[in-house]
Each structure stands twice: as structure tokens, then as C-alpha cells.
Amino acid sequence: MESRWPEAYAAWKRGEDPADVGVETRPAVSLRVGGTLERILEETPRADGGQTVVVVSHGSAITLGITHLLGLDPAGWFGLRSLDNCRHGVVVPGERVPGWSLTEWNVQ
């Protein structure tokens, strides 16, 4: 992206959604991936009151999905950096809104 669309890349780095390069907006990705995570978690049987679900994805997509689960604004909150390659994060059910707690992020 940086070499083929330098202006779009610069916009993306500033936290804007690149125009005219055919990419989804951050809010759209957050809703799509976050909604999929919610569906997977709802459909996974719980054994002994707990469950472990592993989801593999691109770093920015999973980061935006987690932003959705945590109830954060994907277009204006940049407190989570994109998950690096071969790293993981852990979310667990929370007792209060938004219903999830982030316990580990970008762990090797």
C-alpha cells in the first residue's frame, strides 16, 4: 500500500480511512469482524462454565474486531496497536458492559 498508494497510506497512518483504493472503513471492518467473533462465541458450547476459542486473522482485522467487542469507537480510538504477526491476544467474559475484558495483547 505504501508504494502503490502513498497518499492513501499516509491517510491510513493518520487514522483516516483511505479513499479510492477499495478498502473497507475501520467501522465496517470492526462491525464485520466483531460481529463474527460474537457469533462464534455464542455458537461455541461452554463446557464447565468456560471455553477457549482460537481465531486466526490479519492483525488489523482482529484488532478492529476486538475494538468492537470492547465497545470502543474504531474510527477514533487508537489505543490498541494492530496485532503483530505470530502474536496473540486474550479476551475473557467480563461482568460489566461491554461484556468482555482484554487480559493480554500482542503476546508472543
PDB file of N, CA and C in Angstrom:
ATOM      1  N   MET A   1       0.835  -1.190   0.000  1.00  0.00           N
ATOM      2  CA  MET A   1       0.000   0.000   0.000  1.00  0.00           C
ATOM      3  C   MET A   1       0.879   1.253   0.000  1.00  0.00           C
ATOM      4  N   GLU A   2       1.946   1.196   0.773  1.00  0.00           N
ATOM      5  CA  GLU A   2       2.825   2.360   0.879  1.00  0.00           C
ATOM      6  C   GLU A   2       3.436   2.737  -0.473  1.00  0.00           C
ATOM      7  N   SER A   3       3.848   1.748  -1.263  1.00  0.00           N
ATOM      8  CA  SER A   3       4.493   2.062  -2.531  1.00  0.00           C
ATOM      9  C   SER A   3       3.490   2.345  -3.661  1.00  0.00           C
ATOM     10  N   ARG A   4       2.359   1.649  -3.672  1.00  0.00           N
ATOM     11  CA  ARG A   4       1.394   1.828  -4.769  1.00  0.00           C
ATOM     12  C   ARG A   4       0.454   3.000  -4.552  1.00  0.00           C
ATOM     13  N   TRP A   5       0.110   3.273  -3.303  1.00  0.00           N
ATOM     14  CA  TRP A   5      -0.835   4.353  -2.993  1.00  0.00           C
ATOM     15  C   TRP A   5      -0.309   5.181  -1.825  1.00  0.00           C
ATOM     16  N   PRO A   6       0.755   5.936  -2.018  1.00  0.00           N
ATOM     17  CA  PRO A   6       1.378   6.655  -0.909  1.00  0.00           C
ATOM     18  C   PRO A   6       0.436   7.636  -0.197  1.00  0.00           C
ATOM     19  N   GLU A   7      -0.459   8.290  -0.938  1.00  0.00           N
ATOM     20  CA  GLU A   7      -1.378   9.235  -0.293  1.00  0.00           C
ATOM     21  C   GLU A   7      -2.395   8.492   0.575  1.00  0.00           C
ATOM     22  N   ALA A   8      -2.894   7.378   0.067  1.00  0.00           N
ATOM     23  CA  ALA A   8      -3.841   6.579   0.849  1.00  0.00           C
ATOM     24  C   ALA A   8      -3.151   5.994   2.080  1.00  0.00           C
ATOM     25  N   TYR A   9      -1.906   5.573   1.914  1.00  0.00           N
ATOM     26  CA  TYR A   9      -1.146   5.030   3.038  1.00  0.00           C
ATOM     27  C   TYR A   9      -0.935   6.096   4.108  1.00  0.00           C
ATOM     28  N   ALA A  10      -0.583   7.311   3.685  1.00  0.00           N
ATOM     29  CA  ALA A  10      -0.395   8.413   4.635  1.00  0.00           C
ATOM     30  C   ALA A  10      -1.687   8.717   5.382  1.00  0.00           C
ATOM     31  N   ALA A  11      -2.812   8.691   4.682  1.00  0.00           N
ATOM     32  CA  ALA A  11      -4.114   8.915   5.329  1.00  0.00           C
ATOM     33  C   ALA A  11      -4.388   7.822   6.357  1.00  0.00           C
ATOM     34  N   TRP A  12      -4.107   6.569   5.987  1.00  0.00           N
ATOM     35  CA  TRP A  12      -4.327   5.442   6.893  1.00  0.00           C
ATOM     36  C   TRP A  12      -3.465   5.584   8.145  1.00  0.00           C
ATOM     37  N   LYS A  13      -2.210   5.979   7.966  1.00  0.00           N
ATOM     38  CA  LYS A  13      -1.308   6.159   9.109  1.00  0.00           C
ATOM     39  C   LYS A  13      -1.785   7.293  10.029  1.00  0.00           C
ATOM     40  N   ARG A  14      -2.478   8.292   9.474  1.00  0.00           N
ATOM     41  CA  ARG A  14      -3.018   9.391  10.282  1.00  0.00           C
ATOM     42  C   ARG A  14      -4.299   8.991  11.005  1.00  0.00           C
ATOM     43  N   GLY A  15      -4.819   7.799  10.716  1.00  0.00           N
ATOM     44  CA  GLY A  15      -6.055   7.357  11.349  1.00  0.00           C
ATOM     45  C   GLY A  15      -7.285   7.623  10.514  1.00  0.00           C
ATOM     46  N   GLU A  16      -7.095   8.020   9.274  1.00  0.00           N
ATOM     47  CA  GLU A  16      -8.211   8.259   8.363  1.00  0.00           C
ATOM     48  C   GLU A  16      -8.454   7.002   7.534  1.00  0.00           C
ATOM     49  N   ASP A  17      -9.630   6.923   6.928  1.00  0.00           N
ATOM     50  CA  ASP A  17      -9.897   5.821   6.016  1.00  0.00           C
ATOM     51  C   ASP A  17      -9.459   6.235   4.617  1.00  0.00           C
ATOM     52  N   PRO A  18      -8.573   5.459   3.978  1.00  0.00           N
ATOM     53  CA  PRO A  18      -8.110   5.809   2.631  1.00  0.00           C
ATOM     54  C   PRO A  18      -9.267   5.834   1.636  1.00  0.00           C
ATOM     55  N   ALA A  19      -9.216   6.806   0.756  1.00  0.00           N
ATOM     56  CA  ALA A  19     -10.266   6.919  -0.262  1.00  0.00           C
ATOM     57  C   ALA A  19      -9.761   6.357  -1.594  1.00  0.00           C
ATOM     58  N   ASP A  20     -10.687   5.871  -2.390  1.00  0.00           N
ATOM     59  CA  ASP A  20     -10.421   5.464  -3.778  1.00  0.00           C
ATOM     60  C   ASP A  20      -9.419   4.333  -3.950  1.00  0.00           C
ATOM     61  N   VAL A  21      -9.265   3.476  -2.944  1.00  0.00           N
ATOM     62  CA  VAL A  21      -8.394   2.306  -3.125  1.00  0.00           C
ATOM     63  C   VAL A  21      -9.152   1.005  -2.839  1.00  0.00           C
ATOM     64  N   GLY A  22     -10.460   1.107  -2.632  1.00  0.00           N
ATOM     65  CA  GLY A  22     -11.289  -0.084  -2.482  1.00  0.00           C
ATOM     66  C   GLY A  22     -11.148  -0.827  -1.175  1.00  0.00           C
ATOM     67  N   VAL A  23     -10.858  -0.111  -0.082  1.00  0.00           N
ATOM     68  CA  VAL A  23     -10.757  -0.781   1.213  1.00  0.00           C
ATOM     69  C   VAL A  23     -11.965  -0.448   2.077  1.00  0.00           C
ATOM     70  N   GLU A  24     -12.301  -1.367   2.971  1.00  0.00           N
ATOM     71  CA  GLU A  24     -13.385  -1.116   3.924  1.00  0.00           C
ATOM     72  C   GLU A  24     -12.963  -0.050   4.926  1.00  0.00           C
ATOM     73  N   THR A  25     -13.932   0.656   5.451  1.00  0.00           N
ATOM     74  CA  THR A  25     -13.646   1.616   6.512  1.00  0.00           C
ATOM     75  C   THR A  25     -13.378   0.857   7.805  1.00  0.00           C
ATOM     76  N   ARG A  26     -12.717   1.517   8.742  1.00  0.00           N
ATOM     77  CA  ARG A  26     -12.472   0.897  10.046  1.00  0.00           C
ATOM     78  C   ARG A  26     -13.789   0.492  10.724  1.00  0.00           C
ATOM     79  N   PRO A  27     -14.805   1.378  10.747  1.00  0.00           N
ATOM     80  CA  PRO A  27     -16.072   0.959  11.367  1.00  0.00           C
ATOM     81  C   PRO A  27     -16.694  -0.267  10.697  1.00  0.00           C
ATOM     82  N   ALA A  28     -16.597  -0.363   9.366  1.00  0.00           N
ATOM     83  CA  ALA A  28     -17.179  -1.520   8.665  1.00  0.00           C
ATOM     84  C   ALA A  28     -16.442  -2.806   9.029  1.00  0.00           C
ATOM     85  N   VAL A  29     -15.113  -2.753   9.076  1.00  0.00           N
ATOM     86  CA  VAL A  29     -14.327  -3.939   9.448  1.00  0.00           C
ATOM     87  C   VAL A  29     -14.617  -4.312  10.898  1.00  0.00           C
ATOM     88  N   SER A  30     -14.688  -3.316  11.767  1.00  0.00           N
ATOM     89  CA  SER A  30     -14.968  -3.567  13.183  1.00  0.00           C
ATOM     90  C   SER A  30     -16.297  -4.290  13.355  1.00  0.00           C
ATOM     91  N   LEU A  31     -17.304  -3.818  12.666  1.00  0.00           N
ATOM     92  CA  LEU A  31     -18.634  -4.433  12.759  1.00  0.00           C
ATOM     93  C   LEU A  31     -18.636  -5.841  12.165  1.00  0.00           C
ATOM     94  N   ARG A  32     -18.001  -6.012  11.004  1.00  0.00           N
ATOM     95  CA  ARG A  32     -17.982  -7.325  10.342  1.00  0.00           C
ATOM     96  C   ARG A  32     -17.214  -8.356  11.167  1.00  0.00           C
ATOM     97  N   VAL A  33     -15.988  -8.016  11.568  1.00  0.00           N
ATOM     98  CA  VAL A  33     -15.156  -8.978  12.297  1.00  0.00           C
ATOM     99  C   VAL A  33     -15.674  -9.142  13.730  1.00  0.00           C
ATOM    100  N   GLY A  34     -16.020  -8.027  14.379  1.00  0.00           N
ATOM    101  CA  GLY A  34     -16.556  -8.113  15.744  1.00  0.00           C
ATOM    102  C   GLY A  34     -17.852  -8.902  15.800  1.00  0.00           C
ATOM    103  N   GLY A  35     -18.720  -8.688  14.816  1.00  0.00           N
ATOM    104  CA  GLY A  35     -19.965  -9.455  14.755  1.00  0.00           C
ATOM    105  C   GLY A  35     -19.718 -10.932  14.551  1.00  0.00           C
ATOM    106  N   THR A  36     -18.720 -11.250  13.739  1.00  0.00           N
ATOM    107  CA  THR A  36     -18.353 -12.654  13.524  1.00  0.00           C
ATOM    108  C   THR A  36     -17.802 -13.268  14.809  1.00  0.00           C
ATOM    109  N   LEU A  37     -16.958 -12.516  15.523  1.00  0.00           N
ATOM    110  CA  LEU A  37     -16.445 -13.013  16.807  1.00  0.00           C
ATOM    111  C   LEU A  37     -17.590 -13.280  17.776  1.00  0.00           C
ATOM    112  N   GLU A  38     -18.539 -12.363  17.850  1.00  0.00           N
ATOM    113  CA  GLU A  38     -19.698 -12.559  18.740  1.00  0.00           C
ATOM    114  C   GLU A  38     -20.476 -13.808  18.358  1.00  0.00           C
ATOM    115  N   ARG A  39     -20.695 -14.009  17.059  1.00  0.00           N
ATOM    116  CA  ARG A  39     -21.443 -15.182  16.603  1.00  0.00           C
ATOM    117  C   ARG A  39     -20.687 -16.469  16.947  1.00  0.00           C
ATOM    118  N   ILE A  40     -19.372 -16.482  16.714  1.00  0.00           N
ATOM    119  CA  ILE A  40     -18.567 -17.667  17.037  1.00  0.00           C
ATOM    120  C   ILE A  40     -18.661 -17.972  18.528  1.00  0.00           C
ATOM    121  N   LEU A  41     -18.546 -16.950  19.346  1.00  0.00           N
ATOM    122  CA  LEU A  41     -18.594 -17.158  20.795  1.00  0.00           C
ATOM    123  C   LEU A  41     -19.970 -17.623  21.258  1.00  0.00           C
ATOM    124  N   GLU A  42     -21.013 -17.103  20.645  1.00  0.00           N
ATOM    125  CA  GLU A  42     -22.376 -17.532  21.002  1.00  0.00           C
ATOM    126  C   GLU A  42     -22.628 -18.979  20.600  1.00  0.00           C
ATOM    127  N   GLU A  43     -22.050 -19.408  19.478  1.00  0.00           N
ATOM    128  CA  GLU A  43     -22.300 -20.753  18.961  1.00  0.00           C
ATOM    129  C   GLU A  43     -21.376 -21.814  19.547  1.00  0.00           C
ATOM    130  N   THR A  44     -20.365 -21.413  20.299  1.00  0.00           N
ATOM    131  CA  THR A  44     -19.419 -22.371  20.865  1.00  0.00           C
ATOM    132  C   THR A  44     -19.967 -22.906  22.176  1.00  0.00           C
ATOM    133  N   PRO A  45     -20.136 -24.217  22.284  1.00  0.00           N
ATOM    134  CA  PRO A  45     -20.651 -24.782  23.534  1.00  0.00           C
ATOM    135  C   PRO A  45     -19.709 -24.486  24.700  1.00  0.00           C
ATOM    136  N   ARG A  46     -20.281 -24.181  25.826  1.00  0.00           N
ATOM    137  CA  ARG A  46     -19.488 -23.919  27.033  1.00  0.00           C
ATOM    138  C   ARG A  46     -19.424 -25.200  27.861  1.00  0.00           C
ATOM    139  N   ALA A  47     -18.211 -25.607  28.162  1.00  0.00           N
ATOM    140  CA  ALA A  47     -18.015 -26.784  28.997  1.00  0.00           C
ATOM    141  C   ALA A  47     -17.497 -26.330  30.354  1.00  0.00           C
ATOM    142  N   ASP A  48     -18.098 -26.811  31.407  1.00  0.00           N
ATOM    143  CA  ASP A  48     -17.660 -26.469  32.770  1.00  0.00           C
ATOM    144  C   ASP A  48     -17.621 -24.954  33.015  1.00  0.00           C
ATOM    145  N   GLY A  49     -18.531 -24.221  32.370  1.00  0.00           N
ATOM    146  CA  GLY A  49     -18.606 -22.782  32.611  1.00  0.00           C
ATOM    147  C   GLY A  49     -17.563 -21.960  31.876  1.00  0.00           C
ATOM    148  N   GLY A  50     -16.728 -22.573  31.056  1.00  0.00           N
ATOM    149  CA  GLY A  50     -15.699 -21.829  30.339  1.00  0.00           C
ATOM    150  C   GLY A  50     -15.494 -22.378  28.956  1.00  0.00           C
ATOM    151  N   GLN A  51     -14.774 -21.642  28.153  1.00  0.00           N
ATOM    152  CA  GLN A  51     -14.476 -22.093  26.797  1.00  0.00           C
ATOM    153  C   GLN A  51     -13.200 -21.425  26.329  1.00  0.00           C
ATOM    154  N   THR A  52     -12.555 -22.059  25.396  1.00  0.00           N
ATOM    155  CA  THR A  52     -11.419 -21.450  24.721  1.00  0.00           C
ATOM    156  C   THR A  52     -11.716 -21.487  23.239  1.00  0.00           C
ATOM    157  N   VAL A  53     -11.636 -20.334  22.611  1.00  0.00           N
ATOM    158  CA  VAL A  53     -11.851 -20.215  21.178  1.00  0.00           C
ATOM    159  C   VAL A  53     -10.617 -19.554  20.594  1.00  0.00           C
ATOM    160  N   VAL A  54     -10.078 -20.129  19.539  1.00  0.00           N
ATOM    161  CA  VAL A  54      -8.921 -19.551  18.860  1.00  0.00           C
ATOM    162  C   VAL A  54      -9.389 -19.043  17.499  1.00  0.00           C
ATOM    163  N   VAL A  55      -9.114 -17.776  17.221  1.00  0.00           N
ATOM    164  CA  VAL A  55      -9.464 -17.170  15.939  1.00  0.00           C
ATOM    165  C   VAL A  55      -8.178 -16.630  15.328  1.00  0.00           C
ATOM    166  N   VAL A  56      -7.927 -16.971  14.081  1.00  0.00           N
ATOM    167  CA  VAL A  56      -6.738 -16.516  13.373  1.00  0.00           C
ATOM    168  C   VAL A  56      -7.180 -15.533  12.296  1.00  0.00           C
ATOM    169  N   SER A  57      -6.487 -14.400  12.225  1.00  0.00           N
ATOM    170  CA  SER A  57      -6.881 -13.360  11.280  1.00  0.00           C
ATOM    171  C   SER A  57      -5.706 -12.419  11.031  1.00  0.00           C
ATOM    172  N   HIS A  58      -5.902 -11.503  10.109  1.00  0.00           N
ATOM    173  CA  HIS A  58      -4.932 -10.423   9.912  1.00  0.00           C
ATOM    174  C   HIS A  58      -4.952  -9.527  11.142  1.00  0.00           C
ATOM    175  N   GLY A  59      -3.807  -8.946  11.484  1.00  0.00           N
ATOM    176  CA  GLY A  59      -3.670  -8.136  12.694  1.00  0.00           C
ATOM    177  C   GLY A  59      -4.626  -6.977  12.791  1.00  0.00           C
ATOM    178  N   SER A  60      -4.769  -6.195  11.694  1.00  0.00           N
ATOM    179  CA  SER A  60      -5.676  -5.049  11.809  1.00  0.00           C
ATOM    180  C   SER A  60      -7.125  -5.492  11.885  1.00  0.00           C
ATOM    181  N   ALA A  61      -7.498  -6.540  11.181  1.00  0.00           N
ATOM    182  CA  ALA A  61      -8.882  -7.006  11.223  1.00  0.00           C
ATOM    183  C   ALA A  61      -9.247  -7.496  12.621  1.00  0.00           C
ATOM    184  N   ILE A  62      -8.395  -8.313  13.217  1.00  0.00           N
ATOM    185  CA  ILE A  62      -8.707  -8.828  14.549  1.00  0.00           C
ATOM    186  C   ILE A  62      -8.670  -7.705  15.579  1.00  0.00           C
ATOM    187  N   THR A  63      -7.776  -6.739  15.398  1.00  0.00           N
ATOM    188  CA  THR A  63      -7.722  -5.603  16.318  1.00  0.00           C
ATOM    189  C   THR A  63      -9.028  -4.820  16.260  1.00  0.00           C
ATOM    190  N   LEU A  64      -9.527  -4.581  15.057  1.00  0.00           N
ATOM    191  CA  LEU A  64     -10.794  -3.861  14.926  1.00  0.00           C
ATOM    192  C   LEU A  64     -11.962  -4.696  15.461  1.00  0.00           C
ATOM    193  N   GLY A  65     -11.904  -6.010  15.291  1.00  0.00           N
ATOM    194  CA  GLY A  65     -12.940  -6.873  15.867  1.00  0.00           C
ATOM    195  C   GLY A  65     -12.941  -6.804  17.387  1.00  0.00           C
ATOM    196  N   ILE A  66     -11.770  -6.791  17.986  1.00  0.00           N
ATOM    197  CA  ILE A  66     -11.665  -6.679  19.444  1.00  0.00           C
ATOM    198  C   ILE A  66     -12.163  -5.314  19.900  1.00  0.00           C
ATOM    199  N   THR A  67     -11.856  -4.272  19.122  1.00  0.00           N
ATOM    200  CA  THR A  67     -12.372  -2.939  19.426  1.00  0.00           C
ATOM    201  C   THR A  67     -13.899  -2.975  19.514  1.00  0.00           C
ATOM    202  N   HIS A  68     -14.517  -3.701  18.587  1.00  0.00           N
ATOM    203  CA  HIS A  68     -15.981  -3.857  18.599  1.00  0.00           C
ATOM    204  C   HIS A  68     -16.443  -4.565  19.869  1.00  0.00           C
ATOM    205  N   LEU A  69     -15.788  -5.688  20.211  1.00  0.00           N
ATOM    206  CA  LEU A  69     -16.175  -6.427  21.419  1.00  0.00           C
ATOM    207  C   LEU A  69     -16.058  -5.559  22.676  1.00  0.00           C
ATOM    208  N   LEU A  70     -15.062  -4.677  22.693  1.00  0.00           N
ATOM    209  CA  LEU A  70     -14.838  -3.834  23.874  1.00  0.00           C
ATOM    210  C   LEU A  70     -15.692  -2.570  23.870  1.00  0.00           C
ATOM    211  N   GLY A  71     -16.492  -2.388  22.816  1.00  0.00           N
ATOM    212  CA  GLY A  71     -17.381  -1.238  22.760  1.00  0.00           C
ATOM    213  C   GLY A  71     -16.669   0.079  22.489  1.00  0.00           C
ATOM    214  N   LEU A  72     -15.541   0.028  21.800  1.00  0.00           N
ATOM    215  CA  LEU A  72     -14.748   1.226  21.522  1.00  0.00           C
ATOM    216  C   LEU A  72     -15.020   1.737  20.114  1.00  0.00           C
ATOM    217  N   ASP A  73     -14.783   3.006  19.876  1.00  0.00           N
ATOM    218  CA  ASP A  73     -15.005   3.628  18.581  1.00  0.00           C
ATOM    219  C   ASP A  73     -13.850   3.288  17.641  1.00  0.00           C
ATOM    220  N   PRO A  74     -14.085   2.473  16.617  1.00  0.00           N
ATOM    221  CA  PRO A  74     -12.999   2.057  15.734  1.00  0.00           C
ATOM    222  C   PRO A  74     -12.464   3.184  14.857  1.00  0.00           C
ATOM    223  N   ALA A  75     -13.227   4.259  14.709  1.00  0.00           N
ATOM    224  CA  ALA A  75     -12.789   5.360  13.852  1.00  0.00           C
ATOM    225  C   ALA A  75     -12.008   6.421  14.617  1.00  0.00           C
ATOM    226  N   GLY A  76     -12.090   6.417  15.943  1.00  0.00           N
ATOM    227  CA  GLY A  76     -11.471   7.497  16.681  1.00  0.00           C
ATOM    228  C   GLY A  76     -10.667   7.090  17.893  1.00  0.00           C
ATOM    229  N   TRP A  77     -10.596   5.800  18.173  1.00  0.00           N
ATOM    230  CA  TRP A  77      -9.830   5.332  19.332  1.00  0.00           C
ATOM    231  C   TRP A  77      -8.716   4.435  18.830  1.00  0.00           C
ATOM    232  N   PHE A  78      -7.481   4.795  19.118  1.00  0.00           N
ATOM    233  CA  PHE A  78      -6.345   4.045  18.591  1.00  0.00           C
ATOM    234  C   PHE A  78      -5.448   3.537  19.715  1.00  0.00           C
ATOM    235  N   GLY A  79      -6.050   3.154  20.834  1.00  0.00           N
ATOM    236  CA  GLY A  79      -5.283   2.681  21.978  1.00  0.00           C
ATOM    237  C   GLY A  79      -4.706   1.292  21.806  1.00  0.00           C
ATOM    238  N   LEU A  80      -5.276   0.493  20.909  1.00  0.00           N
ATOM    239  CA  LEU A  80      -4.715  -0.830  20.610  1.00  0.00           C
ATOM    240  C   LEU A  80      -3.956  -0.733  19.300  1.00  0.00           C
ATOM    241  N   ARG A  81      -2.697  -1.074  19.314  1.00  0.00           N
ATOM    242  CA  ARG A  81      -1.993  -1.146  18.038  1.00  0.00           C
ATOM    243  C   ARG A  81      -2.322  -2.481  17.398  1.00  0.00           C
ATOM    244  N   SER A  82      -2.190  -2.532  16.103  1.00  0.00           N
ATOM    245  CA  SER A  82      -2.526  -3.748  15.374  1.00  0.00           C
ATOM    246  C   SER A  82      -1.725  -4.926  15.904  1.00  0.00           C
ATOM    247  N   LEU A  83      -2.367  -6.059  15.986  1.00  0.00           N
ATOM    248  CA  LEU A  83      -1.714  -7.277  16.451  1.00  0.00           C
ATOM    249  C   LEU A  83      -0.618  -7.668  15.467  1.00  0.00           C
ATOM    250  N   ASP A  84       0.604  -7.838  15.958  1.00  0.00           N
ATOM    251  CA  ASP A  84       1.732  -8.201  15.101  1.00  0.00           C
ATOM    252  C   ASP A  84       1.638  -9.659  14.658  1.00  0.00           C
ATOM    253  N   ASN A  85       2.404  -9.997  13.600  1.00  0.00           N
ATOM    254  CA  ASN A  85       2.443 -11.376  13.105  1.00  0.00           C
ATOM    255  C   ASN A  85       2.872 -12.341  14.208  1.00  0.00           C
ATOM    256  N   CYS A  86       2.228 -13.496  14.239  1.00  0.00           N
ATOM    257  CA  CYS A  86       2.552 -14.583  15.167  1.00  0.00           C
ATOM    258  C   CYS A  86       2.388 -14.163  16.626  1.00  0.00           C
ATOM    259  N   ARG A  87       1.505 -13.241  16.907  1.00  0.00           N
ATOM    260  CA  ARG A  87       1.211 -12.801  18.278  1.00  0.00           C
ATOM    261  C   ARG A  87      -0.239 -13.128  18.587  1.00  0.00           C
ATOM    262  N   HIS A  88      -0.592 -13.021  19.847  1.00  0.00           N
ATOM    263  CA  HIS A  88      -1.978 -13.293  20.213  1.00  0.00           C
ATOM    264  C   HIS A  88      -2.455 -12.325  21.281  1.00  0.00           C
ATOM    265  N   GLY A  89      -3.758 -12.313  21.437  1.00  0.00           N
ATOM    266  CA  GLY A  89      -4.401 -11.560  22.497  1.00  0.00           C
ATOM    267  C   GLY A  89      -5.423 -12.463  23.160  1.00  0.00           C
ATOM    268  N   VAL A  90      -5.849 -12.077  24.345  1.00  0.00           N
ATOM    269  CA  VAL A  90      -6.832 -12.874  25.080  1.00  0.00           C
ATOM    270  C   VAL A  90      -7.928 -11.938  25.586  1.00  0.00           C
ATOM    271  N   VAL A  91      -9.157 -12.297  25.283  1.00  0.00           N
ATOM    272  CA  VAL A  91     -10.310 -11.613  25.865  1.00  0.00           C
ATOM    273  C   VAL A  91     -11.099 -12.647  26.649  1.00  0.00           C
ATOM    274  N   VAL A  92     -11.634 -12.214  27.761  1.00  0.00           N
ATOM    275  CA  VAL A  92     -12.429 -13.108  28.606  1.00  0.00           C
ATOM    276  C   VAL A  92     -13.760 -12.432  28.893  1.00  0.00           C
ATOM    277  N   PRO A  93     -14.785 -13.244  29.170  1.00  0.00           N
ATOM    278  CA  PRO A  93     -16.063 -12.634  29.507  1.00  0.00           C
ATOM    279  C   PRO A  93     -15.918 -11.706  30.719  1.00  0.00           C
ATOM    280  N   GLY A  94     -16.529 -10.542  30.616  1.00  0.00           N
ATOM    281  CA  GLY A  94     -16.493  -9.587  31.711  1.00  0.00           C
ATOM    282  C   GLY A  94     -17.829  -9.535  32.422  1.00  0.00           C
ATOM    283  N   GLU A  95     -17.812  -9.009  33.612  1.00  0.00           N
ATOM    284  CA  GLU A  95     -19.039  -8.954  34.412  1.00  0.00           C
ATOM    285  C   GLU A  95     -19.863  -7.705  34.132  1.00  0.00           C
ATOM    286  N   ARG A  96     -19.248  -6.692  33.530  1.00  0.00           N
ATOM    287  CA  ARG A  96     -19.956  -5.448  33.245  1.00  0.00           C
ATOM    288  C   ARG A  96     -19.861  -5.123  31.759  1.00  0.00           C
ATOM    289  N   VAL A  97     -20.614  -4.127  31.343  1.00  0.00           N
ATOM    290  CA  VAL A  97     -20.578  -3.676  29.956  1.00  0.00           C
ATOM    291  C   VAL A  97     -19.145  -3.271  29.628  1.00  0.00           C
ATOM    292  N   PRO A  98     -18.609  -3.740  28.542  1.00  0.00           N
ATOM    293  CA  PRO A  98     -19.238  -4.268  27.338  1.00  0.00           C
ATOM    294  C   PRO A  98     -19.403  -5.783  27.320  1.00  0.00           C
ATOM    295  N   GLY A  99     -19.081  -6.459  28.410  1.00  0.00           N
ATOM    296  CA  GLY A  99     -19.225  -7.915  28.469  1.00  0.00           C
ATOM    297  C   GLY A  99     -17.935  -8.673  28.224  1.00  0.00           C
ATOM    298  N   TRP A 100     -16.850  -7.947  27.893  1.00  0.00           N
ATOM    299  CA  TRP A 100     -15.560  -8.575  27.617  1.00  0.00           C
ATOM    300  C   TRP A 100     -14.459  -7.763  28.260  1.00  0.00           C
ATOM    301  N   SER A 101     -13.390  -8.451  28.667  1.00  0.00           N
ATOM    302  CA  SER A 101     -12.202  -7.788  29.205  1.00  0.00           C
ATOM    303  C   SER A 101     -10.985  -8.276  28.430  1.00  0.00           C
ATOM    304  N   LEU A 102     -10.129  -7.354  28.072  1.00  0.00           N
ATOM    305  CA  LEU A 102      -8.889  -7.686  27.391  1.00  0.00           C
ATOM    306  C   LEU A 102      -7.840  -7.954  28.460  1.00  0.00           C
ATOM    307  N   THR A 103      -7.305  -9.185  28.487  1.00  0.00           N
ATOM    308  CA  THR A 103      -6.337  -9.544  29.523  1.00  0.00           C
ATOM    309  C   THR A 103      -4.911  -9.658  28.998  1.00  0.00           C
ATOM    310  N   GLU A 104      -4.756  -9.903  27.684  1.00  0.00           N
ATOM    311  CA  GLU A 104      -3.421  -9.977  27.088  1.00  0.00           C
ATOM    312  C   GLU A 104      -3.522  -9.428  25.670  1.00  0.00           C
ATOM    313  N   TRP A 105      -2.431  -8.752  25.220  1.00  0.00           N
ATOM    314  CA  TRP A 105      -2.444  -8.222  23.851  1.00  0.00           C
ATOM    315  C   TRP A 105      -1.030  -8.205  23.282  1.00  0.00           C
ATOM    316  N   ASN A 106      -0.910  -8.655  22.056  1.00  0.00           N
ATOM    317  CA  ASN A 106       0.338  -8.655  21.294  1.00  0.00           C
ATOM    318  C   ASN A 106       1.408  -9.509  21.983  1.00  0.00           C
ATOM    319  N   VAL A 107       0.979 -10.621  22.555  1.00  0.00           N
ATOM    320  CA  VAL A 107       1.859 -11.523  23.277  1.00  0.00           C
ATOM    321  C   VAL A 107       2.466 -12.530  22.305  1.00  0.00           C
ATOM    322  N   GLN A 108       3.746 -12.816  22.508  1.00  0.00           N
ATOM    323  CA  GLN A 108       4.445 -13.750  21.635  1.00  0.00           C
ATOM    324  C   GLN A 108       4.285 -15.169  22.117  1.00  0.00           C
TER     325      GLN A 108
END
